[in-house]
Amino acid sequence: MNAPAQRPNHDQPGHDQPGHDQPGHDQPSRTYLARLALALYPPSWRDRYADEVRVLLDDSGAGPAAIASLAWRALPAWMGPSAQLGDRPARIRSHLSTGLMAWSMLTGLGLVFAQLTELQSYRLAGHPLIGWSYAVFDVALLVSALTAGLGGLPLWLLMLRQARRDMRPGVIVCLLAPILAPAAWLAGAIMVSRLFGGPGGVSVAWFAVVAAAGFVLATAAATGPVLAMRGLRPRGPALHLAAKAGGVAAALMAVAAVAILVALTGLVLWVPGFPGHHHPAWPGVFLVLAAVAATVTVVSGTRGARAAHTQR
């Protein structure tokens, strides 16, 4: 067994002098940042390792470099929770939470893609591959959304009943975020279209505002259930069903991402009227973002579904 951590000797010279950072007596800003960095980790990881990390931070003085390193390592903890963590449902929730966030980001990117390409009728008769890519994208996105929604509905209802029974209004608001956020975005988009739209639609600036608001609200819609799962820590068949549905939804979104890649590549190469034909850097940046979101979605969805399938 390891020896207990040694406490600092406050009788040594310099420990009580003003201006010296004393281990265990960090500045309030550093203490807050350390708590914030730990809050980025999955619940199962915090339950197992948070106390040990706090001791290490206290002993090292919780400097900015240590806090930054701690925060940076939170993403791998979500994508691949340690197999040593004994709470398998917590690992399922971790994978499900990460997959939900990435899936929401990829869905937002897909909707922007549809608005700027398919809905603008950018096609070319001599290259039907673009039209086929649009069709594959539409079907994959729709079926992915239906799979995620129907598969996650029992878990959502379970958490809603538990939050109402425990009288936790904050958790109820988090659970309603997937309904409230899209409704708010749709209402805002309609208002902008009516107030600032013209024969050719809204200006580029207003479109950028609406798109940015969509990403913010999509993040809020995904964050709500994640926070609810963190507080309620659900278990059982509903959690397993949501994780398995998340794996299928992630695979379908990967198909949608490939369709985006094919369609954008065709538009850049073959359609002179497409803005990206003359400025291919922007489609390139878009594809990088979509690839990152798709990778995280597929990895998290697959691991969550596998963990749910092997649950005993």
Protein backbone atom coordinates (compact mmCIF):
# COMPACT_ATOMS: atom_id res chain seq x y z
CA MET A 1 0.00 0.00 0.00
CA ASN A 2 1.30 3.41 -0.84
CA ALA A 3 2.31 5.69 2.00
CA PRO A 4 -0.12 8.52 2.73
CA ALA A 5 0.67 11.85 1.14
CA GLN A 6 3.02 13.95 3.28
CA ARG A 7 1.51 17.13 4.67
CA PRO A 8 3.52 20.31 4.25
CA ASN A 9 5.53 21.45 7.27
CA HIS A 10 4.25 24.92 8.00
CA ASP A 11 7.09 25.47 10.50
CA GLN A 12 9.62 25.74 7.72
CA PRO A 13 10.73 29.26 6.85
CA GLY A 14 8.87 30.94 4.05
CA HIS A 15 5.62 29.02 4.30
CA ASP A 16 3.78 31.77 6.12
CA GLN A 17 5.35 34.67 4.26
CA PRO A 18 3.01 36.73 2.08
CA GLY A 19 3.26 36.02 -1.64
CA HIS A 20 4.09 32.32 -1.28
CA ASP A 21 1.59 29.79 -2.71
CA GLN A 22 1.06 27.17 -0.04
CA PRO A 23 0.02 23.65 -1.08
CA GLY A 24 -3.56 23.06 -0.04
CA HIS A 25 -4.14 26.82 0.27
CA ASP A 26 -4.35 27.78 -3.38
CA GLN A 27 -5.67 31.02 -4.67
CA PRO A 28 -9.49 30.98 -5.11
CA SER A 29 -9.14 31.36 -8.89
CA ARG A 30 -6.90 28.30 -9.08
CA THR A 31 -9.23 26.27 -6.87
CA TYR A 32 -12.17 27.21 -9.08
CA LEU A 33 -10.28 26.30 -12.25
CA ALA A 34 -9.27 22.94 -10.77
CA ARG A 35 -12.91 22.16 -9.93
CA LEU A 36 -13.95 23.24 -13.41
CA ALA A 37 -11.31 20.99 -15.00
CA LEU A 38 -12.51 18.01 -12.93
CA ALA A 39 -16.11 18.75 -13.89
CA LEU A 40 -15.18 18.10 -17.53
CA TYR A 41 -14.63 14.41 -16.78
CA PRO A 42 -17.24 11.61 -16.92
CA PRO A 43 -19.06 10.89 -13.64
CA SER A 44 -17.56 7.39 -13.41
CA TRP A 45 -14.04 8.81 -13.75
CA ARG A 46 -14.67 11.47 -11.08
CA ASP A 47 -16.11 8.91 -8.68
CA ARG A 48 -12.97 6.80 -8.99
CA TYR A 49 -10.15 9.31 -9.38
CA ALA A 50 -11.32 12.81 -8.34
CA ASP A 51 -10.13 12.60 -4.71
CA GLU A 52 -6.69 11.36 -5.76
CA VAL A 53 -6.35 14.11 -8.36
CA ARG A 54 -7.31 16.76 -5.81
CA VAL A 55 -4.55 15.53 -3.49
CA LEU A 56 -2.02 15.67 -6.32
CA LEU A 57 -3.14 19.16 -7.28
CA ASP A 58 -2.87 20.30 -3.66
CA ASP A 59 0.64 18.87 -3.35
CA SER A 60 1.78 20.46 -6.62
CA GLY A 61 0.19 23.84 -5.92
CA ALA A 62 -2.47 23.46 -8.66
CA GLY A 63 -0.53 25.60 -11.09
CA PRO A 64 -1.96 26.72 -14.44
CA ALA A 65 0.06 24.13 -16.36
CA ALA A 66 -1.24 21.26 -14.21
CA ILE A 67 -4.85 22.47 -14.51
CA ALA A 68 -4.53 22.90 -18.28
CA SER A 69 -3.10 19.39 -18.61
CA LEU A 70 -5.93 17.99 -16.49
CA ALA A 71 -8.57 19.71 -18.63
CA TRP A 72 -6.93 18.54 -21.87
CA ARG A 73 -7.11 14.89 -20.81
CA ALA A 74 -10.88 15.05 -20.27
CA LEU A 75 -11.72 14.31 -23.92
CA PRO A 76 -9.90 10.94 -24.02
CA ALA A 77 -11.63 10.05 -20.74
CA TRP A 78 -15.01 10.54 -22.42
CA MET A 79 -14.06 8.72 -25.63
CA GLY A 80 -12.46 5.75 -23.91
CA PRO A 81 -13.30 5.43 -20.20
CA SER A 82 -10.89 3.13 -18.41
CA ALA A 83 -11.91 -0.51 -18.27
CA GLN A 84 -10.85 -0.47 -14.63
CA LEU A 85 -13.85 1.62 -13.71
CA GLY A 86 -16.22 -0.77 -12.01
CA ASP A 87 -19.45 1.07 -12.81
CA ARG A 88 -20.30 -0.19 -16.29
CA PRO A 89 -23.52 1.86 -16.53
CA ALA A 90 -21.40 4.95 -15.86
CA ARG A 91 -19.20 4.05 -18.82
CA ILE A 92 -22.29 3.60 -20.97
CA ARG A 93 -23.52 7.04 -19.92
CA SER A 94 -20.10 8.52 -20.71
CA HIS A 95 -20.07 7.08 -24.22
CA LEU A 96 -23.69 8.05 -24.75
CA SER A 97 -23.08 11.62 -23.62
CA THR A 98 -20.05 12.08 -25.88
CA GLY A 99 -21.83 10.52 -28.83
CA LEU A 100 -24.88 12.72 -28.32
CA MET A 101 -22.79 15.90 -28.32
CA ALA A 102 -20.85 14.88 -31.45
CA TRP A 103 -24.02 13.65 -33.19
CA SER A 104 -25.70 17.01 -32.56
CA MET A 105 -22.71 18.88 -34.00
CA LEU A 106 -22.66 16.63 -37.06
CA THR A 107 -26.40 17.08 -37.53
CA GLY A 108 -25.96 20.85 -37.42
CA LEU A 109 -23.21 20.66 -40.03
CA GLY A 110 -25.45 18.47 -42.16
CA LEU A 111 -28.31 20.97 -42.03
CA VAL A 112 -25.96 23.78 -43.06
CA PHE A 113 -24.72 21.60 -45.92
CA ALA A 114 -28.30 20.98 -47.10
CA GLN A 115 -29.16 24.69 -46.92
CA LEU A 116 -26.12 25.79 -48.93
CA THR A 117 -26.17 23.04 -51.56
CA GLU A 118 -29.26 20.89 -52.01
CA LEU A 119 -31.82 23.57 -51.19
CA GLN A 120 -30.02 25.98 -53.53
CA SER A 121 -30.45 23.46 -56.39
CA TYR A 122 -26.74 23.06 -57.06
CA ARG A 123 -26.74 20.07 -59.42
CA LEU A 124 -25.31 19.12 -62.78
CA ALA A 125 -27.16 16.96 -65.31
CA GLY A 126 -24.00 15.30 -66.53
CA HIS A 127 -22.98 14.22 -63.02
CA PRO A 128 -25.87 12.38 -61.32
CA LEU A 129 -23.52 11.39 -58.49
CA ILE A 130 -24.27 14.73 -56.79
CA GLY A 131 -28.02 14.09 -56.82
CA TRP A 132 -27.52 10.55 -55.54
CA SER A 133 -25.36 11.88 -52.72
CA TYR A 134 -28.13 14.31 -51.76
CA ALA A 135 -30.63 11.43 -51.61
CA VAL A 136 -28.33 9.23 -49.51
CA PHE A 137 -27.67 12.12 -47.15
CA ASP A 138 -31.39 12.90 -46.73
CA VAL A 139 -32.34 9.30 -45.97
CA ALA A 140 -29.39 8.66 -43.64
CA LEU A 141 -29.98 11.87 -41.67
CA LEU A 142 -33.72 11.24 -41.32
CA VAL A 143 -33.37 7.60 -40.26
CA SER A 144 -30.53 8.49 -37.87
CA ALA A 145 -32.67 11.14 -36.18
CA LEU A 146 -35.64 8.78 -35.91
CA THR A 147 -33.45 6.00 -34.50
CA ALA A 148 -31.85 8.27 -31.92
CA GLY A 149 -35.20 9.78 -30.93
CA LEU A 150 -37.16 6.55 -30.63
CA GLY A 151 -34.31 4.66 -28.99
CA GLY A 152 -33.69 7.41 -26.46
CA LEU A 153 -37.35 8.11 -25.68
CA PRO A 154 -37.72 5.45 -22.93
CA LEU A 155 -34.58 6.77 -21.19
CA TRP A 156 -35.83 10.34 -21.50
CA LEU A 157 -39.22 9.40 -20.01
CA LEU A 158 -37.51 7.46 -17.22
CA MET A 159 -35.36 10.45 -16.26
CA LEU A 160 -38.32 12.84 -16.54
CA ARG A 161 -40.37 10.72 -14.14
CA GLN A 162 -37.46 10.50 -11.72
CA ALA A 163 -36.84 14.26 -11.85
CA ARG A 164 -40.52 14.98 -11.20
CA ARG A 165 -40.63 12.48 -8.36
CA ASP A 166 -37.54 13.99 -6.76
CA MET A 167 -38.81 17.55 -7.43
CA ARG A 168 -35.75 18.70 -9.37
CA PRO A 169 -36.94 21.51 -11.65
CA GLY A 170 -33.43 22.21 -12.97
CA VAL A 171 -33.14 18.65 -14.27
CA ILE A 172 -36.61 18.90 -15.83
CA VAL A 173 -35.51 22.01 -17.73
CA CYS A 174 -32.41 20.14 -18.95
CA LEU A 175 -34.57 17.28 -20.19
CA LEU A 176 -36.86 19.70 -22.04
CA ALA A 177 -33.89 21.32 -23.81
CA PRO A 178 -34.14 18.98 -26.88
CA ILE A 179 -37.68 20.32 -27.39
CA LEU A 180 -37.23 23.95 -26.37
CA ALA A 181 -33.97 24.63 -28.24
CA PRO A 182 -35.15 23.56 -31.75
CA ALA A 183 -38.44 25.38 -31.20
CA ALA A 184 -36.57 28.56 -30.26
CA TRP A 185 -34.29 28.26 -33.30
CA LEU A 186 -37.23 27.68 -35.67
CA ALA A 187 -39.11 30.67 -34.26
CA GLY A 188 -36.01 32.86 -34.60
CA ALA A 189 -35.34 31.69 -38.17
CA ILE A 190 -38.94 32.46 -39.20
CA MET A 191 -38.73 35.91 -37.60
CA VAL A 192 -35.45 36.72 -39.36
CA SER A 193 -36.85 35.50 -42.68
CA ARG A 194 -39.96 37.67 -42.38
CA LEU A 195 -38.20 40.79 -41.13
CA PHE A 196 -35.02 40.73 -43.20
CA GLY A 197 -35.74 38.37 -46.08
CA GLY A 198 -36.12 39.39 -49.69
CA PRO A 199 -36.91 37.71 -53.00
CA GLY A 200 -33.60 35.86 -52.85
CA GLY A 201 -33.86 35.04 -49.16
CA VAL A 202 -31.89 36.59 -46.32
CA SER A 203 -28.45 38.12 -46.70
CA VAL A 204 -25.25 36.18 -46.12
CA ALA A 205 -24.73 37.98 -42.81
CA TRP A 206 -28.16 37.03 -41.48
CA PHE A 207 -27.74 33.47 -42.70
CA ALA A 208 -24.47 33.28 -40.75
CA VAL A 209 -26.27 34.58 -37.65
CA VAL A 210 -29.04 32.01 -37.98
CA ALA A 211 -26.52 29.20 -38.59
CA ALA A 212 -24.41 30.22 -35.58
CA ALA A 213 -27.53 30.36 -33.41
CA GLY A 214 -28.41 26.89 -34.66
CA PHE A 215 -25.09 25.46 -33.51
CA VAL A 216 -25.44 27.13 -30.11
CA LEU A 217 -28.96 25.82 -29.61
CA ALA A 218 -28.00 22.35 -30.91
CA THR A 219 -25.27 22.27 -28.27
CA ALA A 220 -27.80 23.32 -25.64
CA ALA A 221 -30.25 20.64 -26.80
CA ALA A 222 -27.57 17.95 -26.42
CA THR A 223 -26.10 19.34 -23.20
CA GLY A 224 -29.46 19.20 -21.40
CA PRO A 225 -29.83 15.39 -21.43
CA VAL A 226 -26.11 14.99 -20.72
CA LEU A 227 -26.44 17.08 -17.55
CA ALA A 228 -29.59 15.18 -16.62
CA MET A 229 -27.78 11.85 -16.96
CA ARG A 230 -24.92 13.20 -14.88
CA GLY A 231 -27.31 14.16 -12.08
CA LEU A 232 -29.74 11.23 -12.18
CA ARG A 233 -27.31 8.45 -13.21
CA PRO A 234 -29.95 6.19 -14.81
CA ARG A 235 -29.41 2.46 -15.21
CA GLY A 236 -31.25 -0.50 -16.61
CA PRO A 237 -32.84 -1.52 -19.92
CA ALA A 238 -33.76 2.02 -20.98
CA LEU A 239 -30.10 3.07 -20.79
CA HIS A 240 -29.00 0.00 -22.74
CA LEU A 241 -31.62 0.63 -25.44
CA ALA A 242 -30.52 4.26 -25.80
CA ALA A 243 -26.87 3.20 -26.15
CA LYS A 244 -27.67 0.57 -28.78
CA ALA A 245 -29.83 3.04 -30.70
CA GLY A 246 -27.00 5.54 -30.42
CA GLY A 247 -24.66 3.06 -32.10
CA VAL A 248 -27.06 2.60 -35.03
CA ALA A 249 -27.67 6.36 -35.29
CA ALA A 250 -23.92 6.98 -35.30
CA ALA A 251 -23.40 4.50 -38.16
CA LEU A 252 -26.13 6.20 -40.17
CA MET A 253 -24.56 9.61 -39.56
CA ALA A 254 -21.27 8.22 -40.82
CA VAL A 255 -23.06 7.33 -44.06
CA ALA A 256 -24.45 10.87 -44.18
CA ALA A 257 -20.95 12.28 -43.66
CA VAL A 258 -19.62 10.22 -46.58
CA ALA A 259 -22.48 11.52 -48.74
CA ILE A 260 -21.51 15.09 -47.78
CA LEU A 261 -17.92 14.37 -48.78
CA VAL A 262 -18.93 12.99 -52.18
CA ALA A 263 -21.40 15.77 -52.91
CA LEU A 264 -19.08 18.60 -51.91
CA THR A 265 -16.22 17.11 -53.89
CA GLY A 266 -18.42 16.90 -56.97
CA LEU A 267 -19.69 20.44 -56.52
CA VAL A 268 -16.17 21.85 -56.18
CA LEU A 269 -14.91 19.95 -59.23
CA TRP A 270 -17.83 20.15 -61.64
CA VAL A 271 -20.23 23.03 -60.82
CA PRO A 272 -18.80 26.47 -61.72
CA GLY A 273 -21.75 28.27 -60.13
CA PHE A 274 -21.04 26.75 -56.72
CA PRO A 275 -19.13 29.28 -54.52
CA GLY A 276 -16.76 26.59 -53.32
CA HIS A 277 -15.72 25.92 -56.92
CA HIS A 278 -13.68 29.14 -56.86
CA HIS A 279 -12.85 29.07 -53.13
CA PRO A 280 -12.26 25.40 -52.23
CA ALA A 281 -10.71 26.29 -48.85
CA TRP A 282 -14.14 26.78 -47.26
CA PRO A 283 -15.49 23.36 -48.29
CA GLY A 284 -12.19 21.92 -47.07
CA VAL A 285 -12.63 23.42 -43.60
CA PHE A 286 -16.23 22.22 -43.54
CA LEU A 287 -15.19 18.68 -44.42
CA VAL A 288 -12.52 18.64 -41.71
CA LEU A 289 -15.11 19.65 -39.10
CA ALA A 290 -17.55 17.03 -40.39
CA ALA A 291 -14.83 14.35 -40.33
CA VAL A 292 -13.90 15.13 -36.72
CA ALA A 293 -17.54 15.13 -35.59
CA ALA A 294 -18.24 11.90 -37.49
CA THR A 295 -15.20 10.17 -35.99
CA VAL A 296 -16.15 11.06 -32.42
CA THR A 297 -19.77 10.09 -33.09
CA VAL A 298 -18.88 6.68 -34.49
CA VAL A 299 -16.25 5.86 -31.85
CA SER A 300 -18.49 6.84 -28.94
CA GLY A 301 -21.59 5.25 -30.43
CA THR A 302 -19.81 1.98 -31.12
CA ARG A 303 -18.25 1.76 -27.67
CA GLY A 304 -21.52 2.64 -25.96
CA ALA A 305 -23.44 0.03 -27.94
CA ARG A 306 -20.77 -2.60 -27.24
CA ALA A 307 -20.80 -1.80 -23.51
CA ALA A 308 -24.59 -2.05 -23.43
CA HIS A 309 -24.54 -5.33 -25.36
CA THR A 310 -22.06 -6.94 -22.96
CA GLN A 311 -23.87 -5.69 -19.83
CA ARG A 312 -24.86 -8.55 -17.57
